[in-house]
C-alpha atoms as a PDB file:
ATOM      1  CA  MET A   1     -28.647  -3.464 -47.262  1.00  0.00           C
ATOM      2  CA  THR A   2     -30.217  -4.074 -50.907  1.00  0.00           C
ATOM      3  CA  ASP A   3     -33.818  -4.309 -51.610  1.00  0.00           C
ATOM      4  CA  ALA A   4     -33.195  -8.055 -52.515  1.00  0.00           C
ATOM      5  CA  ALA A   5     -31.512  -8.915 -49.224  1.00  0.00           C
ATOM      6  CA  SER A   6     -33.865  -7.007 -47.097  1.00  0.00           C
ATOM      7  CA  SER A   7     -36.830  -8.728 -48.796  1.00  0.00           C
ATOM      8  CA  LYS A   8     -35.246 -11.959 -47.974  1.00  0.00           C
ATOM      9  CA  THR A   9     -34.858 -11.115 -44.078  1.00  0.00           C
ATOM     10  CA  MET A  10     -38.146  -9.482 -43.868  1.00  0.00           C
ATOM     11  CA  PRO A  11     -40.647 -10.626 -46.569  1.00  0.00           C
ATOM     12  CA  ASP A  12     -43.613  -8.971 -44.813  1.00  0.00           C
ATOM     13  CA  ARG A  13     -41.749  -5.446 -44.442  1.00  0.00           C
ATOM     14  CA  TRP A  14     -44.774  -3.944 -46.178  1.00  0.00           C
ATOM     15  CA  VAL A  15     -48.162  -4.204 -45.550  1.00  0.00           C
ATOM     16  CA  VAL A  16     -50.470  -3.201 -48.626  1.00  0.00           C
ATOM     17  CA  VAL A  17     -53.429  -1.225 -48.272  1.00  0.00           C
ATOM     18  CA  ASP A  18     -55.612  -1.377 -51.652  1.00  0.00           C
ATOM     19  CA  ALA A  19     -57.567   1.336 -51.188  1.00  0.00           C
ATOM     20  CA  ARG A  20     -58.182   2.613 -54.765  1.00  0.00           C
ATOM     21  CA  TRP A  21     -61.855   3.150 -55.943  1.00  0.00           C
ATOM     22  CA  LEU A  22     -63.007   2.700 -52.568  1.00  0.00           C
ATOM     23  CA  GLU A  23     -65.705   6.089 -51.429  1.00  0.00           C
ATOM     24  CA  PRO A  24     -64.579   7.806 -48.317  1.00  0.00           C
ATOM     25  CA  PRO A  25     -64.612   7.412 -45.707  1.00  0.00           C
ATOM     26  CA  GLU A  26     -63.197   3.406 -45.935  1.00  0.00           C
ATOM     27  CA  PRO A  27     -59.723   4.498 -47.634  1.00  0.00           C
ATOM     28  CA  MET A  28     -58.795   6.575 -44.603  1.00  0.00           C
ATOM     29  CA  GLU A  29     -60.458   3.756 -42.170  1.00  0.00           C
ATOM     30  CA  ARG A  30     -58.763   1.347 -43.586  1.00  0.00           C
ATOM     31  CA  VAL A  31     -55.027   2.872 -43.838  1.00  0.00           C
ATOM     32  CA  LEU A  32     -55.501   3.795 -40.154  1.00  0.00           C
ATOM     33  CA  ASN A  33     -55.986   0.336 -39.175  1.00  0.00           C
ATOM     34  CA  ALA A  34     -53.208  -0.763 -40.547  1.00  0.00           C
ATOM     35  CA  LEU A  35     -51.238   1.492 -38.874  1.00  0.00           C
ATOM     36  CA  ASN A  36     -52.576   0.434 -35.432  1.00  0.00           C
ATOM     37  CA  SER A  37     -51.389  -3.057 -36.346  1.00  0.00           C
ATOM     38  CA  LEU A  38     -48.222  -2.365 -37.688  1.00  0.00           C
ATOM     39  CA  ARG A  39     -45.177  -3.847 -36.203  1.00  0.00           C
ATOM     40  CA  PRO A  40     -42.019  -1.733 -35.386  1.00  0.00           C
ATOM     41  CA  ASP A  41     -40.555  -3.121 -38.601  1.00  0.00           C
ATOM     42  CA  GLN A  42     -43.104  -2.190 -40.692  1.00  0.00           C
ATOM     43  CA  GLY A  43     -44.224   0.194 -43.162  1.00  0.00           C
ATOM     44  CA  ILE A  44     -47.489   0.859 -45.521  1.00  0.00           C
ATOM     45  CA  HIS A  45     -47.883   0.629 -49.257  1.00  0.00           C
ATOM     46  CA  PHE A  46     -50.947   2.444 -49.475  1.00  0.00           C
ATOM     47  CA  LEU A  47     -52.560   2.870 -52.925  1.00  0.00           C
ATOM     48  CA  ILE A  48     -55.403   4.999 -53.698  1.00  0.00           C
ATOM     49  CA  HIS A  49     -57.203   6.671 -56.761  1.00  0.00           C
ATOM     50  CA  ARG A  50     -56.826  10.312 -55.350  1.00  0.00           C
ATOM     51  CA  GLU A  51     -54.376  11.745 -53.325  1.00  0.00           C
ATOM     52  CA  PRO A  52     -55.262  11.401 -49.673  1.00  0.00           C
ATOM     53  CA  ILE A  53     -54.346  15.272 -48.205  1.00  0.00           C
ATOM     54  CA  PRO A  54     -56.655  14.730 -45.145  1.00  0.00           C
ATOM     55  CA  LEU A  55     -54.215  11.476 -43.867  1.00  0.00           C
ATOM     56  CA  TYR A  56     -50.920  13.470 -44.081  1.00  0.00           C
ATOM     57  CA  SER A  57     -52.103  15.340 -40.768  1.00  0.00           C
ATOM     58  CA  GLU A  58     -52.947  12.366 -39.029  1.00  0.00           C
ATOM     59  CA  LEU A  59     -49.824  10.746 -40.094  1.00  0.00           C
ATOM     60  CA  LYS A  60     -47.714  13.387 -38.395  1.00  0.00           C
ATOM     61  CA  LEU A  61     -49.968  13.186 -35.660  1.00  0.00           C
ATOM     62  CA  ARG A  62     -49.129   9.461 -35.263  1.00  0.00           C
ATOM     63  CA  GLY A  63     -45.515   9.933 -35.437  1.00  0.00           C
ATOM     64  CA  PHE A  64     -45.228   8.629 -39.287  1.00  0.00           C
ATOM     65  CA  SER A  65     -43.797   9.999 -42.428  1.00  0.00           C
ATOM     66  CA  HIS A  66     -45.252   9.556 -46.023  1.00  0.00           C
ATOM     67  CA  ARG A  67     -43.959   9.866 -49.503  1.00  0.00           C
ATOM     68  CA  ALA A  68     -46.222   9.937 -52.235  1.00  0.00           C
ATOM     69  CA  ARG A  69     -45.752   9.085 -55.682  1.00  0.00           C
ATOM     70  CA  LEU A  70     -48.126   9.031 -59.149  1.00  0.00           C
ATOM     71  CA  ILE A  71     -48.203   5.547 -60.574  1.00  0.00           C
ATOM     72  CA  GLU A  72     -50.203   3.946 -63.070  1.00  0.00           C
ATOM     73  CA  ASP A  73     -54.046   4.615 -63.887  1.00  0.00           C
ATOM     74  CA  ASP A  74     -53.589   8.147 -62.562  1.00  0.00           C
ATOM     75  CA  CYS A  75     -53.700   6.222 -58.761  1.00  0.00           C
ATOM     76  CA  TYR A  76     -51.127   7.496 -55.730  1.00  0.00           C
ATOM     77  CA  GLU A  77     -48.647   4.542 -54.161  1.00  0.00           C
ATOM     78  CA  ILE A  78     -48.554   6.518 -50.515  1.00  0.00           C
ATOM     79  CA  THR A  79     -45.275   4.900 -48.665  1.00  0.00           C
ATOM     80  CA  ILE A  80     -46.157   5.133 -44.877  1.00  0.00           C
ATOM     81  CA  GLU A  81     -43.092   4.611 -42.099  1.00  0.00           C
ATOM     82  CA  ARG A  82     -42.498   4.977 -39.065  1.00  0.00           C
ATOM     83  CA  GLY A  83     -40.756   8.142 -37.523  1.00  0.00           C
ATOM     84  CA  THR A  84     -38.668   8.551 -40.755  1.00  0.00           C
ATOM     85  CA  SER A  85     -37.493  11.611 -42.890  1.00  0.00           C
ATOM     86  CA  PRO A  86     -39.471  11.752 -46.231  1.00  0.00           C
ATOM     87  CA  ALA A  87     -36.171  12.641 -47.591  1.00  0.00           C
ATOM     88  CA  ASN A  88     -34.804   9.203 -46.609  1.00  0.00           C
ATOM     89  CA  LEU A  89     -37.719   7.330 -47.947  1.00  0.00           C
ATOM     90  CA  LYS A  90     -37.080   5.368 -50.774  1.00  0.00           C
ATOM     91  CA  ASN A  91     -38.941   4.960 -53.738  1.00  0.00           C
ATOM     92  CA  ASP A  92     -38.732   1.485 -54.674  1.00  0.00           C
ATOM     93  CA  GLY A  93     -40.343   2.366 -58.009  1.00  0.00           C
END
């Protein structure tokens, strides 16, 4: 299924958590709260101004995988999905 087709069939497939420029522990709290609210077919695009290394072990413990990529303004977008191998995560950029 193409991105265009999936966006038509699942318009809210991705939850965006924008925690750029927030001080700890607020970014971690926001993304963990979002994880607890996800439907089985949803994932998260987590935006943050530094790479959230402590988050990665927490994601693994909860059965999520992630992929990090540097975006504009030297910020990161962390793509988080339930039980997916990081190699299979699609880079939407």
